[in-house]
Amino acid sequence: RKTASGQRFNPEAMTMAHKTLPFGTQVRVTNLKNQRSVVLRVNDRGPTQADRIGDVSQAAARRLGMLRAGVIDARIEVLAPAKR
């Protein structure tokens, strides 16, 4: 299936969905429980739940140590804006 940006969804890519950040924005997501962090690229929109700010790919979830939990408290830092 395709993401909102038009790219093919790849669960092994280091990507995430965010409600408002422009596609292509580079962000660092840090799991506040274990301090693991990953750098991801926004390529989709979501999540639809009002109390959540992003969805990460399966590869990112694995590196963040959140596969079992599914939902974590996290910090998101914008590292580089989307390239035009």
C-alpha atoms as a PDB file:
ATOM      1  CA  ARG A   1       0.000   0.000   0.000  1.00  0.00           C
ATOM      2  CA  LYS A   2       1.044   3.602  -0.416  1.00  0.00           C
ATOM      3  CA  THR A   3       1.608   6.231   2.250  1.00  0.00           C
ATOM      4  CA  ALA A   4       0.015   9.680   2.138  1.00  0.00           C
ATOM      5  CA  SER A   5       3.227  10.997   0.554  1.00  0.00           C
ATOM      6  CA  GLY A   6       2.786   8.553  -2.330  1.00  0.00           C
ATOM      7  CA  GLN A   7       5.677   6.309  -1.315  1.00  0.00           C
ATOM      8  CA  ARG A   8       5.195   2.587  -0.963  1.00  0.00           C
ATOM      9  CA  PHE A   9       4.867   1.583   2.712  1.00  0.00           C
ATOM     10  CA  ASN A  10       7.916  -0.330   3.954  1.00  0.00           C
ATOM     11  CA  PRO A  11       7.761  -1.590   7.564  1.00  0.00           C
ATOM     12  CA  GLU A  12      11.563  -1.960   7.580  1.00  0.00           C
ATOM     13  CA  ALA A  13      12.219   1.686   6.631  1.00  0.00           C
ATOM     14  CA  MET A  14      13.031   4.233   9.320  1.00  0.00           C
ATOM     15  CA  THR A  15       9.882   6.284   8.818  1.00  0.00           C
ATOM     16  CA  MET A  16       6.900   7.613  10.713  1.00  0.00           C
ATOM     17  CA  ALA A  17       3.467   9.123  10.316  1.00  0.00           C
ATOM     18  CA  HIS A  18       2.767  12.527  11.864  1.00  0.00           C
ATOM     19  CA  LYS A  19      -0.384  14.636  11.790  1.00  0.00           C
ATOM     20  CA  THR A  20       1.149  17.964  10.745  1.00  0.00           C
ATOM     21  CA  LEU A  21       4.902  17.829  10.031  1.00  0.00           C
ATOM     22  CA  PRO A  22       5.734  18.133   6.326  1.00  0.00           C
ATOM     23  CA  PHE A  23       6.708  14.986   4.432  1.00  0.00           C
ATOM     24  CA  GLY A  24      10.480  14.548   4.419  1.00  0.00           C
ATOM     25  CA  THR A  25      11.048  16.149   7.827  1.00  0.00           C
ATOM     26  CA  GLN A  26      13.786  14.374   9.800  1.00  0.00           C
ATOM     27  CA  VAL A  27      12.944  13.828  13.475  1.00  0.00           C
ATOM     28  CA  ARG A  28      14.567  12.126  16.445  1.00  0.00           C
ATOM     29  CA  VAL A  29      12.135  10.047  18.492  1.00  0.00           C
ATOM     30  CA  THR A  30      13.271   9.076  21.995  1.00  0.00           C
ATOM     31  CA  ASN A  31      11.549   6.464  24.151  1.00  0.00           C
ATOM     32  CA  LEU A  32      11.355   8.179  27.562  1.00  0.00           C
ATOM     33  CA  LYS A  33      11.285   4.869  29.448  1.00  0.00           C
ATOM     34  CA  ASN A  34      14.567   3.433  28.131  1.00  0.00           C
ATOM     35  CA  GLN A  35      16.177   6.490  26.436  1.00  0.00           C
ATOM     36  CA  ARG A  36      16.588   4.666  23.100  1.00  0.00           C
ATOM     37  CA  SER A  37      16.281   6.982  20.138  1.00  0.00           C
ATOM     38  CA  VAL A  38      16.058   6.767  16.351  1.00  0.00           C
ATOM     39  CA  VAL A  39      16.128   9.267  13.511  1.00  0.00           C
ATOM     40  CA  LEU A  40      13.089   8.955  11.253  1.00  0.00           C
ATOM     41  CA  ARG A  41      11.670  10.611   8.164  1.00  0.00           C
ATOM     42  CA  VAL A  42       8.004  11.666   8.051  1.00  0.00           C
ATOM     43  CA  ASN A  43       6.321  10.036   5.056  1.00  0.00           C
ATOM     44  CA  ASP A  44       2.714   9.522   6.124  1.00  0.00           C
ATOM     45  CA  ARG A  45      -0.194  11.116   7.993  1.00  0.00           C
ATOM     46  CA  GLY A  46      -1.615   9.826  11.220  1.00  0.00           C
ATOM     47  CA  PRO A  47      -2.409   8.573  13.741  1.00  0.00           C
ATOM     48  CA  THR A  48      -6.137   9.119  13.868  1.00  0.00           C
ATOM     49  CA  GLN A  49      -6.347   8.816  17.675  1.00  0.00           C
ATOM     50  CA  ALA A  50      -6.500  12.295  19.241  1.00  0.00           C
ATOM     51  CA  ASP A  51      -4.174  11.413  22.136  1.00  0.00           C
ATOM     52  CA  ARG A  52      -1.317  10.195  19.902  1.00  0.00           C
ATOM     53  CA  ILE A  53       1.112  12.330  17.929  1.00  0.00           C
ATOM     54  CA  GLY A  54       2.817   9.797  15.672  1.00  0.00           C
ATOM     55  CA  ASP A  55       3.106   6.240  14.412  1.00  0.00           C
ATOM     56  CA  VAL A  56       6.489   4.679  13.741  1.00  0.00           C
ATOM     57  CA  SER A  57       7.437   1.862  11.379  1.00  0.00           C
ATOM     58  CA  GLN A  58       7.994  -1.642  12.693  1.00  0.00           C
ATOM     59  CA  ALA A  59      11.780  -1.265  12.295  1.00  0.00           C
ATOM     60  CA  ALA A  60      11.709   1.947  14.331  1.00  0.00           C
ATOM     61  CA  ALA A  61       9.503   0.350  17.003  1.00  0.00           C
ATOM     62  CA  ARG A  62      11.966  -2.522  17.295  1.00  0.00           C
ATOM     63  CA  ARG A  63      14.915  -0.149  17.790  1.00  0.00           C
ATOM     64  CA  LEU A  64      12.953   1.915  20.295  1.00  0.00           C
ATOM     65  CA  GLY A  65      12.132  -1.222  22.302  1.00  0.00           C
ATOM     66  CA  MET A  66       8.387  -0.723  21.987  1.00  0.00           C
ATOM     67  CA  LEU A  67       7.152  -3.702  19.967  1.00  0.00           C
ATOM     68  CA  ARG A  68       5.314  -5.258  22.901  1.00  0.00           C
ATOM     69  CA  ALA A  69       4.004  -2.011  24.385  1.00  0.00           C
ATOM     70  CA  GLY A  70       2.791  -0.608  21.081  1.00  0.00           C
ATOM     71  CA  VAL A  71       2.375   2.867  22.596  1.00  0.00           C
ATOM     72  CA  ILE A  72       5.032   4.772  24.546  1.00  0.00           C
ATOM     73  CA  ASP A  73       5.726   8.184  26.006  1.00  0.00           C
ATOM     74  CA  ALA A  74       8.253   9.753  23.667  1.00  0.00           C
ATOM     75  CA  ARG A  75      10.033  12.986  22.851  1.00  0.00           C
ATOM     76  CA  ILE A  76      10.077  14.131  19.229  1.00  0.00           C
ATOM     77  CA  GLU A  77      12.706  16.617  18.070  1.00  0.00           C
ATOM     78  CA  VAL A  78      12.767  18.089  14.570  1.00  0.00           C
ATOM     79  CA  LEU A  79      16.326  17.717  13.236  1.00  0.00           C
ATOM     80  CA  ALA A  80      15.909  18.941   9.664  1.00  0.00           C
ATOM     81  CA  PRO A  81      12.926  20.447   7.883  1.00  0.00           C
ATOM     82  CA  ALA A  82      11.631  18.868   4.713  1.00  0.00           C
ATOM     83  CA  LYS A  83      13.649  19.620   1.587  1.00  0.00           C
ATOM     84  CA  ARG A  84      11.640  21.387  -1.070  1.00  0.00           C
END
